[in-house]
Amino acid sequence: MSVAVTGALRVERAFARARAEGRLALVVYLTVGYPDRASTGALLRAALDGGADILELGVPFSDPLADGTTVQRASEAALREGVTLTHCLSEAASVVRERDAAVLFMGYTNPFMQYGFERLAADGARAGIAGVIVPDMPAEESAELDAALAPAGLLRIDLYAPTTPNERLARLLPRAHGFVYCVSLTGVTGARRALASDAADFVGRVRRHTTLPIVVGFGISAPDHVSALRGTADGIVVGSAAIDVVTSAPAGARAGALREFVASLAAAGRS
């Protein structure tokens, strides 16, 4: 008798594997359909080949409020390519079948609501995704989505900004699932030259209220940012910097350039 491996279990295994190997787990974000629909599959596999533990598939949306210029432009390009949530599910299913990868959707409330939360949960579970990250949906307003995701075994990953009061962390973190996503700065996504100076303090505040793995994202763009978080976080998320690498590489060299960039971050995450 075989037991189906759920997406949530793949996420759990990804962090367990990184912990056993004494390194940071690496989460890589890529916008589905950027720079074009035909390139997405190769880029997702290049990220895995470079050492990504978890893939965040960005669902294109016209008003990505939490995202900076890089992701906004990628989302606009993907929308021009006609990319829909159905295309995102197809890309996820393909890579999960081939690589047994841990995959999350990073998207906004509007596309998910238009698709239907219960339909998203059913189709997402069928595709093998682990869950969703919804930056414009506070945990306090997520009951309807959570009610749809839970029976399908999908996770909703919470984002917390460094301005989050301790009282809110204490109230919400015990109910979190999968891992906790700490936003390293106040502002939108985008590559930064330096890591926020208070990132370690923020992770420490969060860790007092949860035993889940903690990842840090927003602004991480270089190996030294990753190495600075060793011993503090359990993982890191890189998004805009990965898209920048894809954008700047010649068309035929995009996958190779991304693989090398991800590999450099993975190396920095090893102790």
C-alpha atoms as a PDB file:
ATOM      1  CA  MET A   1       0.000   0.000   0.000  1.00  0.00           C
ATOM      2  CA  SER A   2       1.468   3.354  -0.981  1.00  0.00           C
ATOM      3  CA  VAL A   3       0.810   6.541   0.962  1.00  0.00           C
ATOM      4  CA  ALA A   4       0.468   9.776  -1.003  1.00  0.00           C
ATOM      5  CA  VAL A   5       3.027  12.396  -0.054  1.00  0.00           C
ATOM      6  CA  THR A   6       1.218  15.671   0.531  1.00  0.00           C
ATOM      7  CA  GLY A   7       2.656  19.067  -0.266  1.00  0.00           C
ATOM      8  CA  ALA A   8       2.615  19.934   3.424  1.00  0.00           C
ATOM      9  CA  LEU A   9       4.743  16.877   4.168  1.00  0.00           C
ATOM     10  CA  ARG A  10       7.175  17.923   1.438  1.00  0.00           C
ATOM     11  CA  VAL A  11       7.606  21.297   3.168  1.00  0.00           C
ATOM     12  CA  GLU A  12       8.178  19.582   6.505  1.00  0.00           C
ATOM     13  CA  ARG A  13      10.736  17.270   4.922  1.00  0.00           C
ATOM     14  CA  ALA A  14      12.515  20.182   3.229  1.00  0.00           C
ATOM     15  CA  PHE A  15      13.159  21.903   6.554  1.00  0.00           C
ATOM     16  CA  ALA A  16      14.066  18.628   8.277  1.00  0.00           C
ATOM     17  CA  ARG A  17      16.594  17.867   5.544  1.00  0.00           C
ATOM     18  CA  ALA A  18      18.160  21.321   5.784  1.00  0.00           C
ATOM     19  CA  ARG A  19      18.316  21.071   9.575  1.00  0.00           C
ATOM     20  CA  ALA A  20      19.949  17.625   9.415  1.00  0.00           C
ATOM     21  CA  GLU A  21      22.523  18.975   6.973  1.00  0.00           C
ATOM     22  CA  GLY A  22      23.260  22.001   9.165  1.00  0.00           C
ATOM     23  CA  ARG A  23      22.218  24.619   6.616  1.00  0.00           C
ATOM     24  CA  LEU A  24      19.523  27.149   5.874  1.00  0.00           C
ATOM     25  CA  ALA A  25      16.566  26.012   3.795  1.00  0.00           C
ATOM     26  CA  LEU A  26      16.338  27.954   0.548  1.00  0.00           C
ATOM     27  CA  VAL A  27      13.008  29.161  -0.823  1.00  0.00           C
ATOM     28  CA  VAL A  28      13.064  30.583  -4.361  1.00  0.00           C
ATOM     29  CA  TYR A  29      10.258  32.738  -5.772  1.00  0.00           C
ATOM     30  CA  LEU A  30       9.595  32.943  -9.499  1.00  0.00           C
ATOM     31  CA  THR A  31       6.643  34.532 -11.278  1.00  0.00           C
ATOM     32  CA  VAL A  32       4.797  31.993 -13.409  1.00  0.00           C
ATOM     33  CA  GLY A  33       4.892  33.139 -17.040  1.00  0.00           C
ATOM     34  CA  TYR A  34       7.952  35.371 -16.747  1.00  0.00           C
ATOM     35  CA  PRO A  35       9.745  36.157 -18.962  1.00  0.00           C
ATOM     36  CA  ASP A  36       7.318  34.018 -20.993  1.00  0.00           C
ATOM     37  CA  ARG A  37       5.113  31.003 -20.444  1.00  0.00           C
ATOM     38  CA  ALA A  38       7.430  28.646 -22.297  1.00  0.00           C
ATOM     39  CA  SER A  39      10.355  29.448 -19.966  1.00  0.00           C
ATOM     40  CA  THR A  40       8.665  28.805 -16.625  1.00  0.00           C
ATOM     41  CA  GLY A  41       9.210  25.062 -16.406  1.00  0.00           C
ATOM     42  CA  ALA A  42      12.914  25.240 -17.198  1.00  0.00           C
ATOM     43  CA  LEU A  43      13.442  28.042 -14.680  1.00  0.00           C
ATOM     44  CA  LEU A  44      11.649  26.193 -11.878  1.00  0.00           C
ATOM     45  CA  ARG A  45      13.794  23.134 -12.509  1.00  0.00           C
ATOM     46  CA  ALA A  46      16.955  25.265 -12.688  1.00  0.00           C
ATOM     47  CA  ALA A  47      16.150  26.673  -9.242  1.00  0.00           C
ATOM     48  CA  LEU A  48      15.785  23.141  -7.870  1.00  0.00           C
ATOM     49  CA  ASP A  49      19.012  22.070  -9.572  1.00  0.00           C
ATOM     50  CA  GLY A  50      20.758  25.019  -7.925  1.00  0.00           C
ATOM     51  CA  GLY A  51      19.674  23.880  -4.476  1.00  0.00           C
ATOM     52  CA  ALA A  52      16.227  25.346  -3.816  1.00  0.00           C
ATOM     53  CA  ASP A  53      14.356  23.394  -1.148  1.00  0.00           C
ATOM     54  CA  ILE A  54      10.977  25.037  -1.733  1.00  0.00           C
ATOM     55  CA  LEU A  55       9.549  26.824  -4.765  1.00  0.00           C
ATOM     56  CA  GLU A  56       7.249  29.831  -4.446  1.00  0.00           C
ATOM     57  CA  LEU A  57       5.235  30.222  -7.622  1.00  0.00           C
ATOM     58  CA  GLY A  58       4.116  33.798  -8.042  1.00  0.00           C
ATOM     59  CA  VAL A  59       0.549  34.048  -9.343  1.00  0.00           C
ATOM     60  CA  PRO A  60       0.420  37.086 -11.656  1.00  0.00           C
ATOM     61  CA  PHE A  61      -1.884  39.897 -10.525  1.00  0.00           C
ATOM     62  CA  SER A  62      -2.451  43.419 -11.763  1.00  0.00           C
ATOM     63  CA  ASP A  63      -2.090  45.098  -8.356  1.00  0.00           C
ATOM     64  CA  PRO A  64       0.598  43.278  -6.340  1.00  0.00           C
ATOM     65  CA  LEU A  65       0.658  45.720  -3.420  1.00  0.00           C
ATOM     66  CA  ALA A  66       3.425  44.028  -1.436  1.00  0.00           C
ATOM     67  CA  ASP A  67       5.788  43.817  -4.379  1.00  0.00           C
ATOM     68  CA  GLY A  68       8.370  46.219  -5.706  1.00  0.00           C
ATOM     69  CA  THR A  69       9.217  47.111  -9.281  1.00  0.00           C
ATOM     70  CA  THR A  70      10.907  43.836 -10.206  1.00  0.00           C
ATOM     71  CA  VAL A  71       7.989  41.581  -9.320  1.00  0.00           C
ATOM     72  CA  GLN A  72       5.431  44.101 -10.584  1.00  0.00           C
ATOM     73  CA  ARG A  73       7.056  44.123 -14.011  1.00  0.00           C
ATOM     74  CA  ALA A  74       7.321  40.332 -14.035  1.00  0.00           C
ATOM     75  CA  SER A  75       3.650  40.055 -13.135  1.00  0.00           C
ATOM     76  CA  GLU A  76       2.661  42.518 -15.871  1.00  0.00           C
ATOM     77  CA  ALA A  77       4.678  40.556 -18.435  1.00  0.00           C
ATOM     78  CA  ALA A  78       3.055  37.299 -17.347  1.00  0.00           C
ATOM     79  CA  LEU A  79      -0.418  38.806 -17.606  1.00  0.00           C
ATOM     80  CA  ARG A  80       0.386  39.960 -21.129  1.00  0.00           C
ATOM     81  CA  GLU A  81       1.305  36.332 -21.826  1.00  0.00           C
ATOM     82  CA  GLY A  82      -2.203  35.369 -20.720  1.00  0.00           C
ATOM     83  CA  VAL A  83      -1.091  33.486 -17.619  1.00  0.00           C
ATOM     84  CA  THR A  84      -3.922  32.498 -15.283  1.00  0.00           C
ATOM     85  CA  LEU A  85      -4.217  30.566 -12.042  1.00  0.00           C
ATOM     86  CA  THR A  86      -4.996  27.500 -14.136  1.00  0.00           C
ATOM     87  CA  HIS A  87      -1.588  27.834 -15.827  1.00  0.00           C
ATOM     88  CA  CYS A  88       0.043  28.132 -12.390  1.00  0.00           C
ATOM     89  CA  LEU A  89      -1.627  24.900 -11.260  1.00  0.00           C
ATOM     90  CA  SER A  90      -0.429  23.155 -14.398  1.00  0.00           C
ATOM     91  CA  GLU A  91       3.179  24.281 -13.880  1.00  0.00           C
ATOM     92  CA  ALA A  92       3.052  23.199 -10.243  1.00  0.00           C
ATOM     93  CA  ALA A  93       1.642  19.774 -11.078  1.00  0.00           C
ATOM     94  CA  SER A  94       4.303  19.218 -13.714  1.00  0.00           C
ATOM     95  CA  VAL A  95       7.262  20.023 -11.490  1.00  0.00           C
ATOM     96  CA  VAL A  96       5.844  18.108  -8.492  1.00  0.00           C
ATOM     97  CA  ARG A  97       5.315  14.987 -10.602  1.00  0.00           C
ATOM     98  CA  GLU A  98       8.832  15.153 -11.955  1.00  0.00           C
ATOM     99  CA  ARG A  99      10.823  16.271  -8.930  1.00  0.00           C
ATOM    100  CA  ASP A 100       8.722  15.575  -5.818  1.00  0.00           C
ATOM    101  CA  ALA A 101       9.225  19.268  -5.068  1.00  0.00           C
ATOM    102  CA  ALA A 102       7.745  21.368  -2.263  1.00  0.00           C
ATOM    103  CA  VAL A 103       5.694  24.083  -3.980  1.00  0.00           C
ATOM    104  CA  LEU A 104       3.723  27.032  -2.622  1.00  0.00           C
ATOM    105  CA  PHE A 105       1.634  29.653  -4.409  1.00  0.00           C
ATOM    106  CA  MET A 106       2.392  33.287  -3.576  1.00  0.00           C
ATOM    107  CA  GLY A 107      -0.626  35.275  -4.642  1.00  0.00           C
ATOM    108  CA  TYR A 108      -3.164  37.910  -3.750  1.00  0.00           C
ATOM    109  CA  THR A 109      -6.685  37.584  -2.401  1.00  0.00           C
ATOM    110  CA  ASN A 110      -8.463  38.705  -5.573  1.00  0.00           C
ATOM    111  CA  PRO A 111      -7.306  35.949  -7.968  1.00  0.00           C
ATOM    112  CA  PHE A 112      -7.836  33.279  -5.319  1.00  0.00           C
ATOM    113  CA  MET A 113     -11.311  34.574  -4.478  1.00  0.00           C
ATOM    114  CA  GLN A 114     -12.253  34.819  -8.160  1.00  0.00           C
ATOM    115  CA  TYR A 115     -11.157  31.223  -8.675  1.00  0.00           C
ATOM    116  CA  GLY A 116     -13.009  30.134  -5.544  1.00  0.00           C
ATOM    117  CA  PHE A 117     -11.335  29.103  -2.299  1.00  0.00           C
ATOM    118  CA  GLU A 118     -12.761  25.572  -2.259  1.00  0.00           C
ATOM    119  CA  ARG A 119     -11.919  25.047  -5.923  1.00  0.00           C
ATOM    120  CA  LEU A 120      -8.407  26.377  -5.283  1.00  0.00           C
ATOM    121  CA  ALA A 121      -7.982  23.959  -2.380  1.00  0.00           C
ATOM    122  CA  ALA A 122      -9.210  20.953  -4.359  1.00  0.00           C
ATOM    123  CA  ASP A 123      -7.232  21.757  -7.505  1.00  0.00           C
ATOM    124  CA  GLY A 124      -4.169  22.758  -5.501  1.00  0.00           C
ATOM    125  CA  ALA A 125      -4.160  19.472  -3.588  1.00  0.00           C
ATOM    126  CA  ARG A 126      -4.594  17.588  -6.857  1.00  0.00           C
ATOM    127  CA  ALA A 127      -1.628  19.481  -8.327  1.00  0.00           C
ATOM    128  CA  GLY A 128       0.482  18.637  -5.277  1.00  0.00           C
ATOM    129  CA  ILE A 129       1.086  22.141  -3.938  1.00  0.00           C
ATOM    130  CA  ALA A 130       1.651  22.588  -0.225  1.00  0.00           C
ATOM    131  CA  GLY A 131      -0.384  25.738   0.236  1.00  0.00           C
ATOM    132  CA  VAL A 132      -0.510  29.463  -0.285  1.00  0.00           C
ATOM    133  CA  ILE A 133       1.003  32.709   0.892  1.00  0.00           C
ATOM    134  CA  VAL A 134      -1.397  35.654   0.621  1.00  0.00           C
ATOM    135  CA  PRO A 135       0.370  38.920   1.497  1.00  0.00           C
ATOM    136  CA  ASP A 136      -2.769  41.081   1.419  1.00  0.00           C
ATOM    137  CA  MET A 137      -4.811  38.781   3.692  1.00  0.00           C
ATOM    138  CA  PRO A 138      -4.140  39.255   7.431  1.00  0.00           C
ATOM    139  CA  ALA A 139      -4.433  36.144   9.551  1.00  0.00           C
ATOM    140  CA  GLU A 140      -7.395  37.697  11.361  1.00  0.00           C
ATOM    141  CA  GLU A 141      -9.338  37.805   8.052  1.00  0.00           C
ATOM    142  CA  SER A 142      -8.426  34.357   6.742  1.00  0.00           C
ATOM    143  CA  ALA A 143     -11.132  32.175   8.278  1.00  0.00           C
ATOM    144  CA  GLU A 144     -12.951  31.507   4.996  1.00  0.00           C
ATOM    145  CA  LEU A 145      -9.761  30.574   3.154  1.00  0.00           C
ATOM    146  CA  ASP A 146      -8.527  28.475   6.063  1.00  0.00           C
ATOM    147  CA  ALA A 147     -11.832  26.571   6.163  1.00  0.00           C
ATOM    148  CA  ALA A 148     -11.361  25.656   2.500  1.00  0.00           C
ATOM    149  CA  LEU A 149      -7.670  24.765   2.729  1.00  0.00           C
ATOM    150  CA  ALA A 150      -7.681  22.642   5.886  1.00  0.00           C
ATOM    151  CA  PRO A 151      -9.778  19.692   4.615  1.00  0.00           C
ATOM    152  CA  ALA A 152      -7.535  19.513   1.547  1.00  0.00           C
ATOM    153  CA  GLY A 153      -4.431  19.416   3.733  1.00  0.00           C
ATOM    154  CA  LEU A 154      -3.066  22.714   2.388  1.00  0.00           C
ATOM    155  CA  LEU A 155      -1.200  25.311   4.421  1.00  0.00           C
ATOM    156  CA  ARG A 156      -1.678  29.056   4.617  1.00  0.00           C
ATOM    157  CA  ILE A 157       1.675  30.584   5.460  1.00  0.00           C
ATOM    158  CA  ASP A 158       1.542  33.787   7.509  1.00  0.00           C
ATOM    159  CA  LEU A 159       3.715  36.817   6.817  1.00  0.00           C
ATOM    160  CA  TYR A 160       4.809  39.009   9.705  1.00  0.00           C
ATOM    161  CA  ALA A 161       6.471  42.409   9.423  1.00  0.00           C
ATOM    162  CA  PRO A 162       9.079  43.671  11.910  1.00  0.00           C
ATOM    163  CA  THR A 163       6.532  46.222  13.153  1.00  0.00           C
ATOM    164  CA  THR A 164       4.254  43.428  14.435  1.00  0.00           C
ATOM    165  CA  PRO A 165       3.609  43.900  18.181  1.00  0.00           C
ATOM    166  CA  ASN A 166       4.521  41.077  20.542  1.00  0.00           C
ATOM    167  CA  GLU A 167       0.868  40.787  21.598  1.00  0.00           C
ATOM    168  CA  ARG A 168      -0.180  39.948  18.035  1.00  0.00           C
ATOM    169  CA  LEU A 169       2.653  37.438  17.644  1.00  0.00           C
ATOM    170  CA  ALA A 170       1.629  35.740  20.890  1.00  0.00           C
ATOM    171  CA  ARG A 171      -1.998  35.550  19.757  1.00  0.00           C
ATOM    172  CA  LEU A 172      -1.490  34.332  16.187  1.00  0.00           C
ATOM    173  CA  LEU A 173       1.709  32.294  16.015  1.00  0.00           C
ATOM    174  CA  PRO A 174       0.434  29.311  18.035  1.00  0.00           C
ATOM    175  CA  ARG A 175      -2.117  28.769  15.234  1.00  0.00           C
ATOM    176  CA  ALA A 176       0.411  29.008  12.388  1.00  0.00           C
ATOM    177  CA  HIS A 177       1.227  26.058  10.151  1.00  0.00           C
ATOM    178  CA  GLY A 178       4.172  24.955   8.012  1.00  0.00           C
ATOM    179  CA  PHE A 179       6.610  27.744   8.749  1.00  0.00           C
ATOM    180  CA  VAL A 180       6.593  31.418   9.644  1.00  0.00           C
ATOM    181  CA  TYR A 181       7.582  33.981   7.024  1.00  0.00           C
ATOM    182  CA  CYS A 182       9.328  36.976   8.578  1.00  0.00           C
ATOM    183  CA  VAL A 183       9.493  40.062   6.381  1.00  0.00           C
ATOM    184  CA  SER A 184      12.944  41.508   6.982  1.00  0.00           C
ATOM    185  CA  LEU A 185      11.973  45.138   6.407  1.00  0.00           C
ATOM    186  CA  THR A 186       9.122  47.587   6.224  1.00  0.00           C
ATOM    187  CA  GLY A 187       8.301  48.101   2.574  1.00  0.00           C
ATOM    188  CA  VAL A 188       7.832  46.115  -0.597  1.00  0.00           C
ATOM    189  CA  THR A 189       9.811  43.266  -2.118  1.00  0.00           C
ATOM    190  CA  GLY A 190      12.994  44.008  -4.011  1.00  0.00           C
ATOM    191  CA  ALA A 191      16.705  43.340  -3.889  1.00  0.00           C
ATOM    192  CA  ARG A 192      18.588  45.410  -1.314  1.00  0.00           C
ATOM    193  CA  ARG A 193      22.294  46.096  -0.843  1.00  0.00           C
ATOM    194  CA  ALA A 194      22.239  45.355   2.874  1.00  0.00           C
ATOM    195  CA  LEU A 195      20.225  43.124   5.160  1.00  0.00           C
ATOM    196  CA  ALA A 196      18.016  44.940   7.660  1.00  0.00           C
ATOM    197  CA  SER A 197      19.954  45.471  10.893  1.00  0.00           C
ATOM    198  CA  ASP A 198      17.077  44.370  13.122  1.00  0.00           C
ATOM    199  CA  ALA A 199      16.289  41.109  11.295  1.00  0.00           C
ATOM    200  CA  ALA A 200      17.916  38.948  13.959  1.00  0.00           C
ATOM    201  CA  ASP A 201      16.051  40.702  16.762  1.00  0.00           C
ATOM    202  CA  PHE A 202      12.770  40.229  14.929  1.00  0.00           C
ATOM    203  CA  VAL A 203      13.390  36.512  14.384  1.00  0.00           C
ATOM    204  CA  GLY A 204      14.170  36.216  18.081  1.00  0.00           C
ATOM    205  CA  ARG A 205      10.846  37.827  18.989  1.00  0.00           C
ATOM    206  CA  VAL A 206       8.981  35.470  16.680  1.00  0.00           C
ATOM    207  CA  ARG A 207      10.786  32.380  17.964  1.00  0.00           C
ATOM    208  CA  ARG A 208       9.551  33.011  21.483  1.00  0.00           C
ATOM    209  CA  HIS A 209       6.040  32.179  20.283  1.00  0.00           C
ATOM    210  CA  THR A 210       6.511  29.236  17.906  1.00  0.00           C
ATOM    211  CA  THR A 211       8.473  26.056  17.340  1.00  0.00           C
ATOM    212  CA  LEU A 212       7.877  26.177  13.575  1.00  0.00           C
ATOM    213  CA  PRO A 213      10.754  26.905  11.191  1.00  0.00           C
ATOM    214  CA  ILE A 214      11.262  30.618  10.547  1.00  0.00           C
ATOM    215  CA  VAL A 215      12.264  32.003   7.173  1.00  0.00           C
ATOM    216  CA  VAL A 216      13.333  35.540   6.345  1.00  0.00           C
ATOM    217  CA  GLY A 217      12.462  37.204   3.061  1.00  0.00           C
ATOM    218  CA  PHE A 218      12.120  40.558   1.269  1.00  0.00           C
ATOM    219  CA  GLY A 219      15.373  42.226   0.264  1.00  0.00           C
ATOM    220  CA  ILE A 220      17.665  39.180   0.357  1.00  0.00           C
ATOM    221  CA  SER A 221      19.774  39.295  -2.774  1.00  0.00           C
ATOM    222  CA  ALA A 222      23.338  38.143  -2.113  1.00  0.00           C
ATOM    223  CA  PRO A 223      25.293  35.310  -0.484  1.00  0.00           C
ATOM    224  CA  ASP A 224      26.464  37.554   2.361  1.00  0.00           C
ATOM    225  CA  HIS A 225      22.827  38.266   3.281  1.00  0.00           C
ATOM    226  CA  VAL A 226      22.282  34.510   3.535  1.00  0.00           C
ATOM    227  CA  SER A 227      25.414  33.791   5.552  1.00  0.00           C
ATOM    228  CA  ALA A 228      24.485  36.598   7.966  1.00  0.00           C
ATOM    229  CA  LEU A 229      21.299  34.708   8.853  1.00  0.00           C
ATOM    230  CA  ARG A 230      22.971  31.389   9.651  1.00  0.00           C
ATOM    231  CA  GLY A 231      22.282  30.543  13.265  1.00  0.00           C
ATOM    232  CA  THR A 232      19.357  32.977  13.344  1.00  0.00           C
ATOM    233  CA  ALA A 233      16.735  31.824  10.849  1.00  0.00           C
ATOM    234  CA  ASP A 234      15.878  28.358   9.558  1.00  0.00           C
ATOM    235  CA  GLY A 235      15.590  29.464   5.949  1.00  0.00           C
ATOM    236  CA  ILE A 236      15.585  32.394   3.556  1.00  0.00           C
ATOM    237  CA  VAL A 237      13.432  33.479   0.629  1.00  0.00           C
ATOM    238  CA  VAL A 238      14.883  35.059  -2.491  1.00  0.00           C
ATOM    239  CA  GLY A 239      12.587  36.460  -5.143  1.00  0.00           C
ATOM    240  CA  SER A 240      13.341  39.778  -6.809  1.00  0.00           C
ATOM    241  CA  ALA A 241      17.056  39.028  -7.037  1.00  0.00           C
ATOM    242  CA  ALA A 242      16.304  35.722  -8.785  1.00  0.00           C
ATOM    243  CA  ILE A 243      14.034  37.482 -11.264  1.00  0.00           C
ATOM    244  CA  ASP A 244      16.720  40.125 -11.842  1.00  0.00           C
ATOM    245  CA  VAL A 245      19.161  37.356 -12.776  1.00  0.00           C
ATOM    246  CA  VAL A 246      16.667  35.932 -15.265  1.00  0.00           C
ATOM    247  CA  THR A 247      15.991  39.383 -16.715  1.00  0.00           C
ATOM    248  CA  SER A 248      19.636  40.258 -17.245  1.00  0.00           C
ATOM    249  CA  ALA A 249      20.687  36.938 -18.814  1.00  0.00           C
ATOM    250  CA  PRO A 250      20.503  36.267 -22.568  1.00  0.00           C
ATOM    251  CA  ALA A 251      17.458  34.202 -23.510  1.00  0.00           C
ATOM    252  CA  GLY A 252      19.418  30.998 -24.050  1.00  0.00           C
ATOM    253  CA  ALA A 253      21.356  31.348 -20.809  1.00  0.00           C
ATOM    254  CA  ARG A 254      18.589  32.217 -18.340  1.00  0.00           C
ATOM    255  CA  ALA A 255      18.204  28.786 -16.762  1.00  0.00           C
ATOM    256  CA  GLY A 256      21.950  28.363 -16.341  1.00  0.00           C
ATOM    257  CA  ALA A 257      22.367  31.817 -14.838  1.00  0.00           C
ATOM    258  CA  LEU A 258      19.551  31.202 -12.362  1.00  0.00           C
ATOM    259  CA  ARG A 259      20.945  27.797 -11.384  1.00  0.00           C
ATOM    260  CA  GLU A 260      24.362  29.332 -10.661  1.00  0.00           C
ATOM    261  CA  PHE A 261      22.842  32.190  -8.652  1.00  0.00           C
ATOM    262  CA  VAL A 262      20.744  29.840  -6.539  1.00  0.00           C
ATOM    263  CA  ALA A 263      23.771  27.596  -6.018  1.00  0.00           C
ATOM    264  CA  SER A 264      25.741  30.576  -4.678  1.00  0.00           C
ATOM    265  CA  LEU A 265      23.006  31.273  -2.131  1.00  0.00           C
ATOM    266  CA  ALA A 266      22.745  27.605  -1.193  1.00  0.00           C
ATOM    267  CA  ALA A 267      26.495  27.491  -0.564  1.00  0.00           C
ATOM    268  CA  ALA A 268      26.243  30.551   1.672  1.00  0.00           C
ATOM    269  CA  GLY A 269      23.534  28.848   3.708  1.00  0.00           C
ATOM    270  CA  ARG A 270      25.783  25.959   4.683  1.00  0.00           C
ATOM    271  CA  SER A 271      27.592  26.201   7.991  1.00  0.00           C
END
